[in-house]
Amino acid sequence: MMIIASMQETPIVVMGVSGCGKSTVARILSDRMGRPFIEGDDLHPPANVAKMSAGIALTDEDRTSWLAQTGELLGAPHPTSVASCSALRSKYRQRLREAAARPLIFLYLQVPRSEVVERMSSRPDHFMPISLVDSQFAALEEPCDEPDVVTITGPGTASELADRFLYHVFTMNRAAIDRQAGSAKAITTPIISSSLD
């Protein structure tokens, strides 16, 4: 188990496919923790928004500047933030880490396709159309063996999911610190990934 030296110093990225609830959960976490919220959708350049609005999936190249800007904002030393960002592929998450140049914690909201379709059908004003749901799942590379990702699955309101994440991170980090009590070496990388049922 790796330890977060200070949870208050570690930015959080709530990730997952469009419609999984990441913006809602990220806003709740930002309120709970007294941190600024970064809405990843707002950072897309107009060309990206136009493509998605037209039902055209973004390419890796389309996402390059968006990921760089999001990572740079996460890397700002103060105040530490909470961001929503799809971060679908492993290399996208790595780009965020590199641009932030500091440890991050990812909260992956694992939501079934049927639930995503239902949610997206209830937000007609969003630029992401339901027709792109399948492309989102096709691009998704679920976090595996990434030591800074916590996966949350199962039913629950956005508030409950946020609370489960906070409980998990703080209790697991506290247990790891207790086990290593007396160690003179500070460990600053995020906690190991875990899935909550």
C-alpha atoms as a PDB file:
ATOM      1  CA  MET A   1       0.000   0.000   0.000  1.00  0.00           C
ATOM      2  CA  MET A   2       1.335   3.398  -1.012  1.00  0.00           C
ATOM      3  CA  ILE A   3       0.560   6.481   1.014  1.00  0.00           C
ATOM      4  CA  ILE A   4      -0.703   9.926   0.162  1.00  0.00           C
ATOM      5  CA  ALA A   5       1.382  12.233   2.332  1.00  0.00           C
ATOM      6  CA  SER A   6      -1.494  14.719   2.497  1.00  0.00           C
ATOM      7  CA  MET A   7      -4.872  14.119   0.932  1.00  0.00           C
ATOM      8  CA  GLN A   8      -5.388  17.871   0.835  1.00  0.00           C
ATOM      9  CA  GLU A   9      -2.419  18.185  -1.524  1.00  0.00           C
ATOM     10  CA  THR A  10      -3.552  15.580  -4.078  1.00  0.00           C
ATOM     11  CA  PRO A  11      -5.762  16.618  -7.005  1.00  0.00           C
ATOM     12  CA  ILE A  12      -8.655  14.310  -7.886  1.00  0.00           C
ATOM     13  CA  VAL A  13      -9.838  13.416 -11.393  1.00  0.00           C
ATOM     14  CA  VAL A  14     -13.316  11.898 -11.684  1.00  0.00           C
ATOM     15  CA  MET A  15     -13.258   9.895 -14.902  1.00  0.00           C
ATOM     16  CA  GLY A  16     -15.459   7.701 -17.073  1.00  0.00           C
ATOM     17  CA  VAL A  17     -17.581   7.760 -20.206  1.00  0.00           C
ATOM     18  CA  SER A  18     -19.892  10.642 -21.001  1.00  0.00           C
ATOM     19  CA  GLY A  19     -23.061  10.340 -18.950  1.00  0.00           C
ATOM     20  CA  CYS A  20     -21.514   8.341 -16.087  1.00  0.00           C
ATOM     21  CA  GLY A  21     -22.086  11.198 -13.631  1.00  0.00           C
ATOM     22  CA  LYS A  22     -18.507  12.388 -13.280  1.00  0.00           C
ATOM     23  CA  SER A  23     -19.295  16.112 -13.292  1.00  0.00           C
ATOM     24  CA  THR A  24     -21.962  15.714 -10.620  1.00  0.00           C
ATOM     25  CA  VAL A  25     -19.733  13.578  -8.390  1.00  0.00           C
ATOM     26  CA  ALA A  26     -16.764  15.894  -8.924  1.00  0.00           C
ATOM     27  CA  ARG A  27     -18.820  18.922  -7.894  1.00  0.00           C
ATOM     28  CA  ILE A  28     -19.940  17.131  -4.740  1.00  0.00           C
ATOM     29  CA  LEU A  29     -16.347  16.219  -3.888  1.00  0.00           C
ATOM     30  CA  SER A  30     -15.277  19.790  -4.495  1.00  0.00           C
ATOM     31  CA  ASP A  31     -17.945  21.003  -2.054  1.00  0.00           C
ATOM     32  CA  ARG A  32     -17.127  18.338   0.532  1.00  0.00           C
ATOM     33  CA  MET A  33     -13.415  19.115   0.411  1.00  0.00           C
ATOM     34  CA  GLY A  34     -13.609  22.879  -0.104  1.00  0.00           C
ATOM     35  CA  ARG A  35     -11.768  22.717  -3.425  1.00  0.00           C
ATOM     36  CA  PRO A  36     -12.283  24.430  -6.782  1.00  0.00           C
ATOM     37  CA  PHE A  37     -14.010  22.374  -9.465  1.00  0.00           C
ATOM     38  CA  ILE A  38     -12.604  22.020 -12.983  1.00  0.00           C
ATOM     39  CA  GLU A  39     -15.181  21.025 -15.607  1.00  0.00           C
ATOM     40  CA  GLY A  40     -13.280  19.176 -18.303  1.00  0.00           C
ATOM     41  CA  ASP A  41     -16.045  19.690 -20.876  1.00  0.00           C
ATOM     42  CA  ASP A  42     -15.543  23.461 -20.636  1.00  0.00           C
ATOM     43  CA  LEU A  43     -11.896  23.112 -21.664  1.00  0.00           C
ATOM     44  CA  HIS A  44     -12.591  21.538 -25.052  1.00  0.00           C
ATOM     45  CA  PRO A  45     -11.724  23.895 -27.918  1.00  0.00           C
ATOM     46  CA  PRO A  46     -14.669  24.982 -30.124  1.00  0.00           C
ATOM     47  CA  ALA A  47     -13.581  22.591 -32.888  1.00  0.00           C
ATOM     48  CA  ASN A  48     -13.928  19.618 -30.537  1.00  0.00           C
ATOM     49  CA  VAL A  49     -17.360  20.729 -29.369  1.00  0.00           C
ATOM     50  CA  ALA A  50     -18.465  21.172 -32.988  1.00  0.00           C
ATOM     51  CA  LYS A  51     -17.293  17.664 -33.906  1.00  0.00           C
ATOM     52  CA  MET A  52     -19.038  16.017 -30.973  1.00  0.00           C
ATOM     53  CA  SER A  53     -22.211  18.041 -31.547  1.00  0.00           C
ATOM     54  CA  ALA A  54     -22.209  16.680 -35.108  1.00  0.00           C
ATOM     55  CA  GLY A  55     -21.934  13.126 -33.817  1.00  0.00           C
ATOM     56  CA  ILE A  56     -18.267  12.717 -34.750  1.00  0.00           C
ATOM     57  CA  ALA A  57     -16.021  11.022 -32.177  1.00  0.00           C
ATOM     58  CA  LEU A  58     -12.810  12.799 -31.201  1.00  0.00           C
ATOM     59  CA  THR A  59      -9.434  11.426 -32.227  1.00  0.00           C
ATOM     60  CA  ASP A  60      -6.304  11.205 -30.088  1.00  0.00           C
ATOM     61  CA  GLU A  61      -5.027  14.320 -31.864  1.00  0.00           C
ATOM     62  CA  ASP A  62      -8.219  16.215 -31.053  1.00  0.00           C
ATOM     63  CA  ARG A  63      -7.721  15.511 -27.365  1.00  0.00           C
ATOM     64  CA  THR A  64      -4.038  16.509 -27.161  1.00  0.00           C
ATOM     65  CA  SER A  65      -4.382  20.178 -26.230  1.00  0.00           C
ATOM     66  CA  TRP A  66      -7.432  19.476 -24.058  1.00  0.00           C
ATOM     67  CA  LEU A  67      -5.572  16.912 -21.944  1.00  0.00           C
ATOM     68  CA  ALA A  68      -2.547  19.198 -21.674  1.00  0.00           C
ATOM     69  CA  GLN A  69      -4.638  22.118 -20.439  1.00  0.00           C
ATOM     70  CA  THR A  70      -6.582  19.979 -17.988  1.00  0.00           C
ATOM     71  CA  GLY A  71      -3.370  18.481 -16.605  1.00  0.00           C
ATOM     72  CA  GLU A  72      -1.747  21.880 -16.234  1.00  0.00           C
ATOM     73  CA  LEU A  73      -4.711  23.165 -14.233  1.00  0.00           C
ATOM     74  CA  LEU A  74      -4.555  20.082 -12.010  1.00  0.00           C
ATOM     75  CA  GLY A  75      -0.869  20.736 -11.487  1.00  0.00           C
ATOM     76  CA  ALA A  76      -1.371  24.233 -10.108  1.00  0.00           C
ATOM     77  CA  PRO A  77       0.084  24.148  -6.573  1.00  0.00           C
ATOM     78  CA  HIS A  78      -2.735  26.072  -4.892  1.00  0.00           C
ATOM     79  CA  PRO A  79      -5.559  25.542  -4.533  1.00  0.00           C
ATOM     80  CA  THR A  80      -5.710  21.783  -5.073  1.00  0.00           C
ATOM     81  CA  SER A  81      -8.666  20.956  -7.305  1.00  0.00           C
ATOM     82  CA  VAL A  82     -11.201  18.314  -8.306  1.00  0.00           C
ATOM     83  CA  ALA A  83     -11.723  17.805 -12.044  1.00  0.00           C
ATOM     84  CA  SER A  84     -14.118  15.906 -14.254  1.00  0.00           C
ATOM     85  CA  CYS A  85     -12.395  14.444 -17.298  1.00  0.00           C
ATOM     86  CA  SER A  86     -13.291  11.342 -19.293  1.00  0.00           C
ATOM     87  CA  ALA A  87      -9.638  10.160 -19.429  1.00  0.00           C
ATOM     88  CA  LEU A  88     -10.846   7.103 -21.329  1.00  0.00           C
ATOM     89  CA  ARG A  89      -7.556   5.622 -22.463  1.00  0.00           C
ATOM     90  CA  SER A  90      -4.542   4.693 -20.387  1.00  0.00           C
ATOM     91  CA  LYS A  91      -2.368   7.074 -22.396  1.00  0.00           C
ATOM     92  CA  TYR A  92      -4.799   9.932 -21.731  1.00  0.00           C
ATOM     93  CA  ARG A  93      -4.462   9.369 -17.998  1.00  0.00           C
ATOM     94  CA  GLN A  94      -0.699   9.284 -18.395  1.00  0.00           C
ATOM     95  CA  ARG A  95      -0.782  12.592 -20.265  1.00  0.00           C
ATOM     96  CA  LEU A  96      -2.723  14.137 -17.385  1.00  0.00           C
ATOM     97  CA  ARG A  97      -0.127  12.876 -14.915  1.00  0.00           C
ATOM     98  CA  GLU A  98       2.715  14.237 -17.012  1.00  0.00           C
ATOM     99  CA  ALA A  99       1.069  17.627 -17.561  1.00  0.00           C
ATOM    100  CA  ALA A 100       0.206  17.946 -13.863  1.00  0.00           C
ATOM    101  CA  ALA A 101       3.732  16.939 -12.832  1.00  0.00           C
ATOM    102  CA  ARG A 102       2.443  15.827  -9.441  1.00  0.00           C
ATOM    103  CA  PRO A 103       0.593  12.824  -7.991  1.00  0.00           C
ATOM    104  CA  LEU A 104      -3.089  12.526  -8.909  1.00  0.00           C
ATOM    105  CA  ILE A 105      -5.943  10.324  -7.732  1.00  0.00           C
ATOM    106  CA  PHE A 106      -8.424   9.080 -10.337  1.00  0.00           C
ATOM    107  CA  LEU A 107     -11.955   8.092  -9.369  1.00  0.00           C
ATOM    108  CA  TYR A 108     -13.335   5.856 -12.121  1.00  0.00           C
ATOM    109  CA  LEU A 109     -17.129   5.648 -12.200  1.00  0.00           C
ATOM    110  CA  GLN A 110     -17.942   2.302 -13.778  1.00  0.00           C
ATOM    111  CA  VAL A 111     -21.480   2.567 -15.148  1.00  0.00           C
ATOM    112  CA  PRO A 112     -23.287   0.148 -17.525  1.00  0.00           C
ATOM    113  CA  ARG A 113     -24.193   1.303 -21.027  1.00  0.00           C
ATOM    114  CA  SER A 114     -27.940   1.104 -20.385  1.00  0.00           C
ATOM    115  CA  GLU A 115     -27.669   3.539 -17.498  1.00  0.00           C
ATOM    116  CA  VAL A 116     -25.480   5.910 -19.499  1.00  0.00           C
ATOM    117  CA  VAL A 117     -28.026   5.976 -22.354  1.00  0.00           C
ATOM    118  CA  GLU A 118     -30.820   6.742 -19.882  1.00  0.00           C
ATOM    119  CA  ARG A 119     -28.874   9.595 -18.327  1.00  0.00           C
ATOM    120  CA  MET A 120     -27.827  11.113 -21.652  1.00  0.00           C
ATOM    121  CA  SER A 121     -31.408  11.057 -22.925  1.00  0.00           C
ATOM    122  CA  SER A 122     -32.344  13.360 -20.031  1.00  0.00           C
ATOM    123  CA  ARG A 123     -29.824  16.100 -20.923  1.00  0.00           C
ATOM    124  CA  PRO A 124     -30.820  17.279 -24.412  1.00  0.00           C
ATOM    125  CA  ASP A 125     -28.869  20.547 -24.162  1.00  0.00           C
ATOM    126  CA  HIS A 126     -25.462  18.841 -23.780  1.00  0.00           C
ATOM    127  CA  PHE A 127     -23.218  18.831 -26.849  1.00  0.00           C
ATOM    128  CA  MET A 128     -22.495  15.095 -26.554  1.00  0.00           C
ATOM    129  CA  PRO A 129     -25.246  13.173 -28.418  1.00  0.00           C
ATOM    130  CA  ILE A 130     -26.462   9.707 -27.511  1.00  0.00           C
ATOM    131  CA  SER A 131     -25.138   8.502 -30.877  1.00  0.00           C
ATOM    132  CA  LEU A 132     -21.596   8.726 -29.477  1.00  0.00           C
ATOM    133  CA  VAL A 133     -22.220   6.419 -26.513  1.00  0.00           C
ATOM    134  CA  ASP A 134     -20.838   3.377 -28.307  1.00  0.00           C
ATOM    135  CA  SER A 135     -17.715   5.264 -29.389  1.00  0.00           C
ATOM    136  CA  GLN A 136     -17.117   6.215 -25.752  1.00  0.00           C
ATOM    137  CA  PHE A 137     -17.249   2.591 -24.622  1.00  0.00           C
ATOM    138  CA  ALA A 138     -15.126   1.527 -27.596  1.00  0.00           C
ATOM    139  CA  ALA A 139     -12.420   4.011 -26.605  1.00  0.00           C
ATOM    140  CA  LEU A 140     -12.603   3.170 -22.893  1.00  0.00           C
ATOM    141  CA  GLU A 141      -9.617   1.322 -21.453  1.00  0.00           C
ATOM    142  CA  GLU A 142     -10.664   0.482 -17.931  1.00  0.00           C
ATOM    143  CA  PRO A 143      -7.911   1.199 -15.408  1.00  0.00           C
ATOM    144  CA  CYS A 144      -5.943  -1.935 -14.658  1.00  0.00           C
ATOM    145  CA  ASP A 145      -2.819  -2.031 -12.524  1.00  0.00           C
ATOM    146  CA  GLU A 146      -2.764   1.764 -12.346  1.00  0.00           C
ATOM    147  CA  PRO A 147      -1.746   2.547  -8.749  1.00  0.00           C
ATOM    148  CA  ASP A 148      -3.588   5.857  -8.499  1.00  0.00           C
ATOM    149  CA  VAL A 149      -7.091   4.768  -9.554  1.00  0.00           C
ATOM    150  CA  VAL A 150     -10.070   3.946  -7.329  1.00  0.00           C
ATOM    151  CA  THR A 151     -12.950   2.249  -9.149  1.00  0.00           C
ATOM    152  CA  ILE A 152     -16.491   2.577  -7.834  1.00  0.00           C
ATOM    153  CA  THR A 153     -19.272   0.389  -9.186  1.00  0.00           C
ATOM    154  CA  GLY A 154     -22.794  -0.420  -8.172  1.00  0.00           C
ATOM    155  CA  PRO A 155     -25.919   1.603  -7.443  1.00  0.00           C
ATOM    156  CA  GLY A 156     -26.041   4.787  -5.420  1.00  0.00           C
ATOM    157  CA  THR A 157     -26.748   8.471  -5.686  1.00  0.00           C
ATOM    158  CA  ALA A 158     -23.962  10.835  -6.722  1.00  0.00           C
ATOM    159  CA  SER A 159     -23.651  11.948  -3.106  1.00  0.00           C
ATOM    160  CA  GLU A 160     -23.341   8.353  -1.912  1.00  0.00           C
ATOM    161  CA  LEU A 161     -20.675   7.572  -4.521  1.00  0.00           C
ATOM    162  CA  ALA A 162     -18.674  10.637  -3.490  1.00  0.00           C
ATOM    163  CA  ASP A 163     -18.898   9.654   0.171  1.00  0.00           C
ATOM    164  CA  ARG A 164     -17.835   6.073  -0.596  1.00  0.00           C
ATOM    165  CA  PHE A 165     -14.790   7.360  -2.424  1.00  0.00           C
ATOM    166  CA  LEU A 166     -13.780   9.659   0.426  1.00  0.00           C
ATOM    167  CA  TYR A 167     -14.323   6.946   3.016  1.00  0.00           C
ATOM    168  CA  HIS A 168     -12.233   4.499   0.997  1.00  0.00           C
ATOM    169  CA  VAL A 169      -9.346   6.870   0.364  1.00  0.00           C
ATOM    170  CA  PHE A 170      -9.082   8.197   3.887  1.00  0.00           C
ATOM    171  CA  THR A 171      -9.493   4.871   5.674  1.00  0.00           C
ATOM    172  CA  MET A 172      -7.124   2.961   3.415  1.00  0.00           C
ATOM    173  CA  ASN A 173      -4.547   5.717   3.603  1.00  0.00           C
ATOM    174  CA  ARG A 174      -4.875   5.884   7.387  1.00  0.00           C
ATOM    175  CA  ALA A 175      -4.382   2.115   7.673  1.00  0.00           C
ATOM    176  CA  ALA A 176      -1.277   2.275   5.497  1.00  0.00           C
ATOM    177  CA  ILE A 177       0.157   5.109   7.555  1.00  0.00           C
ATOM    178  CA  ASP A 178      -0.500   3.194  10.774  1.00  0.00           C
ATOM    179  CA  ARG A 179       1.269   0.122   9.412  1.00  0.00           C
ATOM    180  CA  GLN A 180       4.300   2.162   8.553  1.00  0.00           C
ATOM    181  CA  ALA A 181       4.342   4.248  11.711  1.00  0.00           C
ATOM    182  CA  GLY A 182       7.856   5.077  12.706  1.00  0.00           C
ATOM    183  CA  SER A 183       9.187   5.124   9.151  1.00  0.00           C
ATOM    184  CA  ALA A 184      11.437   8.093   8.512  1.00  0.00           C
ATOM    185  CA  LYS A 185      10.756   8.110   4.772  1.00  0.00           C
ATOM    186  CA  ALA A 186       7.720   9.989   3.479  1.00  0.00           C
ATOM    187  CA  ILE A 187       5.860   8.318   0.614  1.00  0.00           C
ATOM    188  CA  THR A 188       3.996  10.771  -1.563  1.00  0.00           C
ATOM    189  CA  THR A 189       2.525   8.682  -4.385  1.00  0.00           C
ATOM    190  CA  PRO A 190      -1.227   7.939  -4.374  1.00  0.00           C
ATOM    191  CA  ILE A 191      -2.915   4.866  -2.974  1.00  0.00           C
ATOM    192  CA  ILE A 192      -3.245   1.593  -4.837  1.00  0.00           C
ATOM    193  CA  SER A 193      -6.335   1.168  -6.948  1.00  0.00           C
ATOM    194  CA  SER A 194      -9.356  -0.629  -5.614  1.00  0.00           C
ATOM    195  CA  SER A 195     -12.854  -1.559  -6.732  1.00  0.00           C
ATOM    196  CA  LEU A 196     -15.826  -1.019  -4.449  1.00  0.00           C
ATOM    197  CA  ASP A 197     -18.838  -3.244  -4.976  1.00  0.00           C
END
